[in-house]
């Protein structure tokens, strides 16, 4: 069993998620509701469904696009994601208001808010590209979901203390370099192997 898709997906998504709007959303949710379990479960289930759809789409496009065109699309996509990572996210278009304070209401609020915030986000697009590259649906979904959880669960538990201490500009630059390296390797590599 090849664990590279799991490892690479988890690492890239976890790093790309640092300072992302969904991480800021985690902070907003815990400050508003003060209940960890329903927020964490909402993040988990939303991510699984969102990234499964992204990975499914990624695998479909590999069957409809020739390998040379796909290599260029994937390589340039990774390089574009590198540039996108350098643009800081702001939580300005996600509504986290909810009148419910019970666990189910908090779970539903988190699920919907996370699902909507992830639509078209760099981690969702990275999941599409990783699934297209590796053709390993389960490993990419599991890895990208783990990456999201690794980045968001500590925020739910430790919130403002973590965010204040992270050197986000440096982390964003490192992630951008990783995306560029993968993009270049895809462009010059054979069979999309790193």
Protein backbone atom coordinates (compact mmCIF):
# COMPACT_ATOMS: atom_id res chain seq x y z
CA UNK A 1 0.00 0.00 0.00
CA UNK A 2 1.40 3.37 -1.05
CA UNK A 3 1.04 5.92 1.77
CA UNK A 4 2.62 8.80 -0.16
CA UNK A 5 -0.78 10.24 -1.25
CA UNK A 6 -1.96 10.18 2.38
CA UNK A 7 1.20 11.79 3.71
CA UNK A 8 1.54 14.45 1.00
CA UNK A 9 -2.19 15.33 1.12
CA UNK A 10 -2.17 15.61 4.89
CA UNK A 11 1.00 17.68 5.03
CA UNK A 12 0.05 20.09 2.23
CA UNK A 13 -3.50 20.64 3.47
CA UNK A 14 -2.42 21.10 7.11
CA UNK A 15 0.21 23.65 6.13
CA UNK A 16 -2.01 25.43 3.60
CA UNK A 17 -4.77 25.65 6.20
CA UNK A 18 -2.65 27.70 8.63
CA UNK A 19 -4.13 31.19 8.65
CA UNK A 20 -6.88 30.15 6.23
CA UNK A 21 -10.43 31.48 6.58
CA UNK A 22 -11.69 28.12 7.86
CA UNK A 23 -9.12 28.24 10.64
CA UNK A 24 -10.40 31.72 11.48
CA UNK A 25 -13.90 30.27 11.32
CA UNK A 26 -12.88 27.65 13.93
CA UNK A 27 -11.74 30.46 16.19
CA UNK A 28 -15.02 32.37 15.71
CA UNK A 29 -17.10 29.27 16.41
CA UNK A 30 -15.33 28.36 19.64
CA UNK A 31 -15.50 31.96 20.85
CA UNK A 32 -19.22 32.05 20.11
CA UNK A 33 -20.35 28.61 21.32
CA UNK A 34 -17.67 27.41 23.79
CA UNK A 35 -18.48 23.74 23.03
CA UNK A 36 -15.65 21.80 21.43
CA UNK A 37 -17.18 18.42 20.55
CA UNK A 38 -19.97 19.60 18.19
CA UNK A 39 -17.62 22.07 16.50
CA UNK A 40 -14.93 19.41 15.93
CA UNK A 41 -17.53 16.92 14.63
CA UNK A 42 -18.99 19.58 12.32
CA UNK A 43 -15.51 20.30 10.93
CA UNK A 44 -14.79 16.58 10.48
CA UNK A 45 -18.00 15.65 8.64
CA UNK A 46 -17.99 18.79 6.51
CA UNK A 47 -14.39 18.16 5.48
CA UNK A 48 -14.98 14.49 4.67
CA UNK A 49 -17.92 15.30 2.39
CA UNK A 50 -16.30 18.34 0.80
CA UNK A 51 -12.94 16.68 0.15
CA UNK A 52 -14.53 13.43 -1.02
CA UNK A 53 -16.38 15.43 -3.67
CA UNK A 54 -13.18 17.25 -4.59
CA UNK A 55 -11.18 14.01 -4.84
CA UNK A 56 -13.93 12.38 -6.91
CA UNK A 57 -13.84 15.33 -9.31
CA UNK A 58 -10.04 15.12 -9.42
CA UNK A 59 -10.16 11.48 -10.44
CA UNK A 60 -12.84 12.10 -13.07
CA UNK A 61 -10.83 14.78 -14.85
CA UNK A 62 -7.89 12.41 -15.26
CA UNK A 63 -10.09 10.09 -17.31
CA UNK A 64 -11.28 12.83 -19.65
CA UNK A 65 -8.07 14.79 -20.24
CA UNK A 66 -4.99 13.42 -21.97
CA UNK A 67 -1.87 12.86 -19.86
CA UNK A 68 0.17 15.70 -21.38
CA UNK A 69 -2.61 18.27 -20.96
CA UNK A 70 -3.32 16.97 -17.46
CA UNK A 71 0.36 17.27 -16.49
CA UNK A 72 0.37 20.92 -17.53
CA UNK A 73 -2.93 21.65 -15.78
CA UNK A 74 -1.77 19.97 -12.56
CA UNK A 75 1.70 21.50 -12.61
CA UNK A 76 0.39 25.00 -13.23
CA UNK A 77 -2.39 24.45 -10.66
CA UNK A 78 0.16 23.65 -7.95
CA UNK A 79 2.17 26.74 -8.90
CA UNK A 80 -1.02 28.86 -8.86
CA UNK A 81 -1.86 27.47 -5.41
CA UNK A 82 1.61 28.54 -4.28
CA UNK A 83 0.77 32.12 -5.25
CA UNK A 84 -2.69 31.87 -3.67
CA UNK A 85 -1.22 30.68 -0.34
CA UNK A 86 0.71 33.95 -0.13
CA UNK A 87 -2.56 35.95 -0.07
CA UNK A 88 -3.86 36.11 3.52
CA UNK A 89 -7.46 35.07 4.08
CA UNK A 90 -10.03 37.19 5.84
CA UNK A 91 -13.21 35.85 7.34
CA UNK A 92 -15.57 38.33 5.73
CA UNK A 93 -17.96 36.26 3.65
CA UNK A 94 -18.93 33.49 6.04
CA UNK A 95 -21.95 33.90 8.28
CA UNK A 96 -21.51 32.05 11.59
CA UNK A 97 -24.62 33.38 13.32
CA UNK A 98 -26.87 30.87 14.96
CA UNK A 99 -29.57 31.19 17.58
CA UNK A 100 -29.13 27.62 18.74
CA UNK A 101 -26.84 26.82 21.68
CA UNK A 102 -27.49 23.06 21.76
CA UNK A 103 -24.98 20.56 20.44
CA UNK A 104 -27.00 19.66 17.33
CA UNK A 105 -27.47 23.34 16.42
CA UNK A 106 -23.76 24.01 16.91
CA UNK A 107 -22.87 20.94 14.82
CA UNK A 108 -25.21 21.99 11.99
CA UNK A 109 -23.96 25.59 12.09
CA UNK A 110 -20.33 24.40 11.97
CA UNK A 111 -21.05 21.86 9.23
CA UNK A 112 -22.78 24.38 6.96
CA UNK A 113 -20.32 27.22 7.64
CA UNK A 114 -17.29 24.99 7.01
CA UNK A 115 -18.78 23.42 3.91
CA UNK A 116 -19.53 26.82 2.41
CA UNK A 117 -16.16 28.29 3.43
CA UNK A 118 -14.31 25.39 1.78
CA UNK A 119 -16.09 25.76 -1.57
CA UNK A 120 -13.44 26.89 -4.03
CA UNK A 121 -10.87 27.25 -1.24
CA UNK A 122 -7.22 26.43 -1.87
CA UNK A 123 -7.40 23.26 0.25
CA UNK A 124 -10.37 22.00 -1.78
CA UNK A 125 -8.56 22.77 -5.03
CA UNK A 126 -5.42 21.13 -3.67
CA UNK A 127 -7.48 18.01 -2.92
CA UNK A 128 -8.75 17.98 -6.51
CA UNK A 129 -5.20 18.27 -7.85
CA UNK A 130 -3.81 15.65 -5.44
CA UNK A 131 -6.55 13.17 -6.34
CA UNK A 132 -5.89 13.76 -10.04
CA UNK A 133 -2.17 13.31 -9.49
CA UNK A 134 -2.22 10.21 -7.31
CA UNK A 135 -5.44 8.45 -8.39
CA UNK A 136 -5.81 7.32 -4.77
CA UNK A 137 -9.25 8.55 -3.71
CA UNK A 138 -9.35 7.12 -0.18
CA UNK A 139 -5.76 8.06 0.68
CA UNK A 140 -6.15 11.64 -0.57
CA UNK A 141 -9.48 12.16 1.22
CA UNK A 142 -8.12 10.64 4.45
CA UNK A 143 -4.91 12.67 4.24
CA UNK A 144 -6.56 15.96 3.37
CA UNK A 145 -9.17 15.44 6.10
CA UNK A 146 -6.45 14.68 8.62
CA UNK A 147 -4.61 17.81 7.49
CA UNK A 148 -7.73 19.93 8.05
CA UNK A 149 -8.23 18.41 11.49
CA UNK A 150 -4.58 18.92 12.45
CA UNK A 151 -4.88 22.59 11.56
CA UNK A 152 -8.31 23.28 13.04
CA UNK A 153 -8.71 21.15 16.17
CA UNK A 154 -5.88 22.91 18.05
CA UNK A 155 -7.59 26.23 17.26
CA UNK A 156 -10.80 24.91 18.79
CA UNK A 157 -8.87 23.91 21.92
CA UNK A 158 -6.33 26.71 22.24
CA UNK A 159 -7.66 29.41 19.91
CA UNK A 160 -6.14 32.81 20.30
CA UNK A 161 -2.99 31.58 22.07
CA UNK A 162 -1.92 29.54 19.00
CA UNK A 163 -2.85 32.07 16.34
CA UNK A 164 -0.97 34.86 18.14
CA UNK A 165 2.27 32.82 18.25
CA UNK A 166 2.39 31.40 14.71
CA UNK A 167 4.64 33.16 12.20
CA UNK A 168 1.97 32.93 9.48
CA UNK A 169 3.89 34.86 6.78
CA UNK A 170 6.82 32.45 7.11
CA UNK A 171 4.52 29.41 7.11
CA UNK A 172 2.74 30.72 4.00
CA UNK A 173 6.08 31.13 2.21
CA UNK A 174 7.17 27.57 3.11
CA UNK A 175 3.84 26.18 1.87
CA UNK A 176 4.16 28.24 -1.33
CA UNK A 177 7.63 26.77 -1.94
CA UNK A 178 6.27 23.24 -1.40
CA UNK A 179 3.48 23.84 -3.92
CA UNK A 180 5.96 25.27 -6.46
CA UNK A 181 8.30 22.29 -6.01
CA UNK A 182 5.46 19.83 -6.52
CA UNK A 183 4.20 21.83 -9.54
CA UNK A 184 7.63 21.85 -11.16
CA UNK A 185 8.15 18.15 -10.44
CA UNK A 186 4.78 17.38 -12.03
CA UNK A 187 5.69 19.46 -15.10
CA UNK A 188 9.08 17.86 -15.62
CA UNK A 189 8.36 14.44 -14.13
CA UNK A 190 7.15 11.26 -15.72
CA UNK A 191 3.77 9.84 -14.62
CA UNK A 192 3.33 12.62 -12.03
CA UNK A 193 5.70 10.99 -9.52
CA UNK A 194 7.49 13.09 -6.95
